[in-house]
């Protein structure tokens, strides 16, 4: 006599996975952290997304629905042109490059290059490639959003080959 000929076992095998998945979502809804609307005057950290770890020229920093896209171009050998785009209008952005040695170059105020204050640009000294981090503070609706990202994403083929030498 097979175990699958018993109707109770067959029903249990069908119902158990459904109950497990349903319980998982029910508990998440009951005790999971719910996103909150940003409050005026508060500070919120931005999380570095995985694209910042590879040399692709683009990186994003996010906190829930607030997202900043960072793109880099090389106008000179030791300078980068940073462009920041946002889904929300920003009141201002300051950026600085932190060196691997622990020293931080002075912050640079970015300039809005779009009428709706969603695209900002600045040129930064980059120095010798290797281990730098970009530190950024953005202001939107009287709230501050801060974060830092590895500048590995800024390295293009020219810089990658220079590092290998």
C-alpha atoms as a PDB file:
ATOM      1  CA  UNK A   1       0.000   0.000   0.000  1.00  0.00           C
ATOM      2  CA  UNK A   2       1.479   3.331  -1.098  1.00  0.00           C
ATOM      3  CA  UNK A   3       1.491   6.461   1.069  1.00  0.00           C
ATOM      4  CA  UNK A   4       0.060   8.395  -1.876  1.00  0.00           C
ATOM      5  CA  UNK A   5      -3.111   6.304  -1.878  1.00  0.00           C
ATOM      6  CA  UNK A   6      -4.024   7.831   1.503  1.00  0.00           C
ATOM      7  CA  UNK A   7      -6.117  10.945   0.775  1.00  0.00           C
ATOM      8  CA  UNK A   8      -5.028  12.660   4.023  1.00  0.00           C
ATOM      9  CA  UNK A   9      -1.358  12.556   2.995  1.00  0.00           C
ATOM     10  CA  UNK A  10      -2.129  13.845  -0.500  1.00  0.00           C
ATOM     11  CA  UNK A  11      -4.169  16.770   0.894  1.00  0.00           C
ATOM     12  CA  UNK A  12      -1.415  17.562   3.433  1.00  0.00           C
ATOM     13  CA  UNK A  13       1.218  17.604   0.658  1.00  0.00           C
ATOM     14  CA  UNK A  14      -0.887  20.077  -1.332  1.00  0.00           C
ATOM     15  CA  UNK A  15      -1.969  22.344   1.541  1.00  0.00           C
ATOM     16  CA  UNK A  16       1.314  22.599   3.517  1.00  0.00           C
ATOM     17  CA  UNK A  17       3.273  24.663   0.920  1.00  0.00           C
ATOM     18  CA  UNK A  18       0.321  27.019   0.457  1.00  0.00           C
ATOM     19  CA  UNK A  19       0.050  27.567   4.211  1.00  0.00           C
ATOM     20  CA  UNK A  20       3.814  28.136   4.502  1.00  0.00           C
ATOM     21  CA  UNK A  21       3.870  30.794   1.779  1.00  0.00           C
ATOM     22  CA  UNK A  22       0.720  32.457   3.123  1.00  0.00           C
ATOM     23  CA  UNK A  23       2.202  32.568   6.632  1.00  0.00           C
ATOM     24  CA  UNK A  24       5.429  34.097   5.312  1.00  0.00           C
ATOM     25  CA  UNK A  25       3.571  37.020   3.705  1.00  0.00           C
ATOM     26  CA  UNK A  26       1.144  37.453   6.627  1.00  0.00           C
ATOM     27  CA  UNK A  27       3.986  37.755   9.149  1.00  0.00           C
ATOM     28  CA  UNK A  28       5.850  40.180   6.889  1.00  0.00           C
ATOM     29  CA  UNK A  29       2.753  42.388   6.683  1.00  0.00           C
ATOM     30  CA  UNK A  30       2.268  42.300  10.460  1.00  0.00           C
ATOM     31  CA  UNK A  31       5.809  42.902  11.705  1.00  0.00           C
ATOM     32  CA  UNK A  32       7.776  44.087   8.652  1.00  0.00           C
ATOM     33  CA  UNK A  33       9.079  47.632   8.443  1.00  0.00           C
ATOM     34  CA  UNK A  34       6.796  49.869   6.450  1.00  0.00           C
ATOM     35  CA  UNK A  35       8.239  52.713   4.337  1.00  0.00           C
ATOM     36  CA  UNK A  36       7.632  56.174   5.776  1.00  0.00           C
ATOM     37  CA  UNK A  37       7.227  59.515   4.074  1.00  0.00           C
ATOM     38  CA  UNK A  38      10.297  61.725   4.512  1.00  0.00           C
ATOM     39  CA  UNK A  39       9.799  64.337   7.208  1.00  0.00           C
ATOM     40  CA  UNK A  40      11.093  67.898   6.960  1.00  0.00           C
ATOM     41  CA  UNK A  41      14.352  68.532   8.761  1.00  0.00           C
ATOM     42  CA  UNK A  42      15.361  64.856   9.061  1.00  0.00           C
ATOM     43  CA  UNK A  43      18.392  63.101   7.604  1.00  0.00           C
ATOM     44  CA  UNK A  44      18.208  59.878   5.621  1.00  0.00           C
ATOM     45  CA  UNK A  45      21.070  57.595   4.500  1.00  0.00           C
ATOM     46  CA  UNK A  46      21.409  56.561   0.868  1.00  0.00           C
ATOM     47  CA  UNK A  47      22.440  53.009   0.049  1.00  0.00           C
ATOM     48  CA  UNK A  48      25.103  52.292  -2.557  1.00  0.00           C
ATOM     49  CA  UNK A  49      23.719  50.001  -5.259  1.00  0.00           C
ATOM     50  CA  UNK A  50      25.765  47.122  -6.760  1.00  0.00           C
ATOM     51  CA  UNK A  51      26.514  48.998 -10.020  1.00  0.00           C
ATOM     52  CA  UNK A  52      28.926  51.229  -8.084  1.00  0.00           C
ATOM     53  CA  UNK A  53      31.374  48.348  -7.665  1.00  0.00           C
ATOM     54  CA  UNK A  54      32.274  47.956 -11.356  1.00  0.00           C
ATOM     55  CA  UNK A  55      33.759  50.346 -13.887  1.00  0.00           C
ATOM     56  CA  UNK A  56      30.673  51.158 -15.918  1.00  0.00           C
ATOM     57  CA  UNK A  57      30.537  54.939 -15.568  1.00  0.00           C
ATOM     58  CA  UNK A  58      27.199  54.865 -13.724  1.00  0.00           C
ATOM     59  CA  UNK A  59      26.194  54.355 -10.085  1.00  0.00           C
ATOM     60  CA  UNK A  60      23.022  54.888  -8.093  1.00  0.00           C
ATOM     61  CA  UNK A  61      22.318  55.707  -4.459  1.00  0.00           C
ATOM     62  CA  UNK A  62      18.849  54.896  -3.114  1.00  0.00           C
ATOM     63  CA  UNK A  63      16.604  55.162  -0.077  1.00  0.00           C
ATOM     64  CA  UNK A  64      13.125  53.797  -0.733  1.00  0.00           C
ATOM     65  CA  UNK A  65      11.711  55.981  -3.555  1.00  0.00           C
ATOM     66  CA  UNK A  66      14.473  58.617  -3.394  1.00  0.00           C
ATOM     67  CA  UNK A  67      17.090  57.722  -6.013  1.00  0.00           C
ATOM     68  CA  UNK A  68      20.161  59.547  -7.261  1.00  0.00           C
ATOM     69  CA  UNK A  69      21.932  58.479 -10.442  1.00  0.00           C
ATOM     70  CA  UNK A  70      25.638  59.314 -10.709  1.00  0.00           C
ATOM     71  CA  UNK A  71      27.388  59.456 -14.086  1.00  0.00           C
ATOM     72  CA  UNK A  72      31.038  60.315 -14.740  1.00  0.00           C
ATOM     73  CA  UNK A  73      33.003  61.673 -17.691  1.00  0.00           C
ATOM     74  CA  UNK A  74      36.733  62.479 -17.902  1.00  0.00           C
ATOM     75  CA  UNK A  75      37.398  66.033 -19.177  1.00  0.00           C
ATOM     76  CA  UNK A  76      41.043  65.777 -18.033  1.00  0.00           C
ATOM     77  CA  UNK A  77      43.394  63.056 -16.798  1.00  0.00           C
ATOM     78  CA  UNK A  78      43.010  63.955 -13.105  1.00  0.00           C
ATOM     79  CA  UNK A  79      39.502  65.474 -13.070  1.00  0.00           C
ATOM     80  CA  UNK A  80      36.045  63.963 -13.344  1.00  0.00           C
ATOM     81  CA  UNK A  81      32.830  65.623 -14.480  1.00  0.00           C
ATOM     82  CA  UNK A  82      30.112  64.272 -12.206  1.00  0.00           C
ATOM     83  CA  UNK A  83      26.449  64.464 -13.213  1.00  0.00           C
ATOM     84  CA  UNK A  84      23.737  63.633 -10.673  1.00  0.00           C
ATOM     85  CA  UNK A  85      20.137  63.003 -11.719  1.00  0.00           C
ATOM     86  CA  UNK A  86      17.169  62.698  -9.387  1.00  0.00           C
ATOM     87  CA  UNK A  87      13.524  61.780  -9.735  1.00  0.00           C
ATOM     88  CA  UNK A  88      12.651  64.635  -7.362  1.00  0.00           C
ATOM     89  CA  UNK A  89      13.624  68.329  -7.547  1.00  0.00           C
ATOM     90  CA  UNK A  90      16.611  69.031  -5.302  1.00  0.00           C
ATOM     91  CA  UNK A  91      17.491  72.189  -3.376  1.00  0.00           C
ATOM     92  CA  UNK A  92      21.238  71.542  -3.522  1.00  0.00           C
ATOM     93  CA  UNK A  93      24.016  68.942  -3.566  1.00  0.00           C
ATOM     94  CA  UNK A  94      27.521  68.934  -2.120  1.00  0.00           C
ATOM     95  CA  UNK A  95      30.087  66.284  -3.028  1.00  0.00           C
ATOM     96  CA  UNK A  96      33.618  65.485  -1.904  1.00  0.00           C
ATOM     97  CA  UNK A  97      36.200  62.860  -2.810  1.00  0.00           C
ATOM     98  CA  UNK A  98      37.626  60.934   0.145  1.00  0.00           C
ATOM     99  CA  UNK A  99      41.110  59.582  -0.480  1.00  0.00           C
ATOM    100  CA  UNK A 100      42.213  56.085   0.528  1.00  0.00           C
ATOM    101  CA  UNK A 101      44.623  57.640   3.043  1.00  0.00           C
ATOM    102  CA  UNK A 102      41.640  58.998   4.999  1.00  0.00           C
ATOM    103  CA  UNK A 103      41.936  62.633   3.923  1.00  0.00           C
ATOM    104  CA  UNK A 104      38.953  64.247   2.232  1.00  0.00           C
ATOM    105  CA  UNK A 105      39.191  66.914  -0.451  1.00  0.00           C
ATOM    106  CA  UNK A 106      37.060  70.021   0.244  1.00  0.00           C
ATOM    107  CA  UNK A 107      33.360  69.645  -0.665  1.00  0.00           C
ATOM    108  CA  UNK A 108      32.192  71.075  -3.972  1.00  0.00           C
ATOM    109  CA  UNK A 109      28.770  72.665  -4.451  1.00  0.00           C
ATOM    110  CA  UNK A 110      27.084  71.197  -7.524  1.00  0.00           C
ATOM    111  CA  UNK A 111      25.260  73.408 -10.035  1.00  0.00           C
ATOM    112  CA  UNK A 112      21.743  72.703 -11.323  1.00  0.00           C
ATOM    113  CA  UNK A 113      21.870  72.249 -15.102  1.00  0.00           C
ATOM    114  CA  UNK A 114      18.146  71.673 -15.624  1.00  0.00           C
ATOM    115  CA  UNK A 115      15.258  74.071 -15.052  1.00  0.00           C
ATOM    116  CA  UNK A 116      13.438  71.586 -12.806  1.00  0.00           C
ATOM    117  CA  UNK A 117      16.486  71.092 -10.491  1.00  0.00           C
ATOM    118  CA  UNK A 118      16.650  67.362 -11.200  1.00  0.00           C
ATOM    119  CA  UNK A 119      20.029  67.309 -12.959  1.00  0.00           C
ATOM    120  CA  UNK A 120      23.186  68.657 -11.320  1.00  0.00           C
ATOM    121  CA  UNK A 121      26.830  68.802 -12.420  1.00  0.00           C
ATOM    122  CA  UNK A 122      30.290  69.561 -11.035  1.00  0.00           C
ATOM    123  CA  UNK A 123      33.945  68.929 -11.845  1.00  0.00           C
ATOM    124  CA  UNK A 124      36.044  67.275  -9.144  1.00  0.00           C
ATOM    125  CA  UNK A 125      39.745  66.601  -8.666  1.00  0.00           C
ATOM    126  CA  UNK A 126      40.226  62.851  -8.813  1.00  0.00           C
ATOM    127  CA  UNK A 127      43.891  62.415  -8.028  1.00  0.00           C
ATOM    128  CA  UNK A 128      45.614  59.061  -8.428  1.00  0.00           C
ATOM    129  CA  UNK A 129      43.065  56.224  -8.927  1.00  0.00           C
ATOM    130  CA  UNK A 130      42.639  53.636  -6.220  1.00  0.00           C
ATOM    131  CA  UNK A 131      40.295  53.388  -3.254  1.00  0.00           C
ATOM    132  CA  UNK A 132      38.581  56.783  -3.422  1.00  0.00           C
ATOM    133  CA  UNK A 133      35.019  57.199  -2.240  1.00  0.00           C
ATOM    134  CA  UNK A 134      32.539  59.849  -3.282  1.00  0.00           C
ATOM    135  CA  UNK A 135      30.693  61.448  -0.361  1.00  0.00           C
ATOM    136  CA  UNK A 136      27.457  63.210  -1.199  1.00  0.00           C
ATOM    137  CA  UNK A 137      24.761  65.217   0.602  1.00  0.00           C
ATOM    138  CA  UNK A 138      21.573  66.214  -1.232  1.00  0.00           C
ATOM    139  CA  UNK A 139      18.777  68.423   0.031  1.00  0.00           C
ATOM    140  CA  UNK A 140      15.164  67.900  -1.062  1.00  0.00           C
ATOM    141  CA  UNK A 141      12.013  69.273   0.582  1.00  0.00           C
ATOM    142  CA  UNK A 142      13.996  70.462   3.619  1.00  0.00           C
ATOM    143  CA  UNK A 143      15.330  66.920   4.246  1.00  0.00           C
ATOM    144  CA  UNK A 144      18.939  65.811   3.866  1.00  0.00           C
ATOM    145  CA  UNK A 145      19.979  62.629   2.089  1.00  0.00           C
ATOM    146  CA  UNK A 146      23.592  61.514   2.536  1.00  0.00           C
ATOM    147  CA  UNK A 147      25.670  58.645   1.282  1.00  0.00           C
ATOM    148  CA  UNK A 148      28.957  57.556  -0.146  1.00  0.00           C
ATOM    149  CA  UNK A 149      29.945  55.339  -3.036  1.00  0.00           C
ATOM    150  CA  UNK A 150      33.111  53.719  -4.261  1.00  0.00           C
ATOM    151  CA  UNK A 151      34.556  55.597  -7.223  1.00  0.00           C
ATOM    152  CA  UNK A 152      35.347  52.297  -8.936  1.00  0.00           C
ATOM    153  CA  UNK A 153      32.396  53.002 -11.243  1.00  0.00           C
ATOM    154  CA  UNK A 154      34.238  56.106 -12.517  1.00  0.00           C
ATOM    155  CA  UNK A 155      37.158  54.121 -13.889  1.00  0.00           C
ATOM    156  CA  UNK A 156      36.897  53.667 -17.620  1.00  0.00           C
ATOM    157  CA  UNK A 157      39.084  51.417 -19.790  1.00  0.00           C
ATOM    158  CA  UNK A 158      41.840  54.045 -19.881  1.00  0.00           C
ATOM    159  CA  UNK A 159      42.011  54.223 -16.068  1.00  0.00           C
ATOM    160  CA  UNK A 160      41.683  50.458 -15.590  1.00  0.00           C
ATOM    161  CA  UNK A 161      44.668  49.836 -17.845  1.00  0.00           C
ATOM    162  CA  UNK A 162      46.666  52.499 -15.967  1.00  0.00           C
ATOM    163  CA  UNK A 163      45.999  50.683 -12.693  1.00  0.00           C
ATOM    164  CA  UNK A 164      47.241  47.349 -14.065  1.00  0.00           C
ATOM    165  CA  UNK A 165      50.663  48.779 -14.954  1.00  0.00           C
END
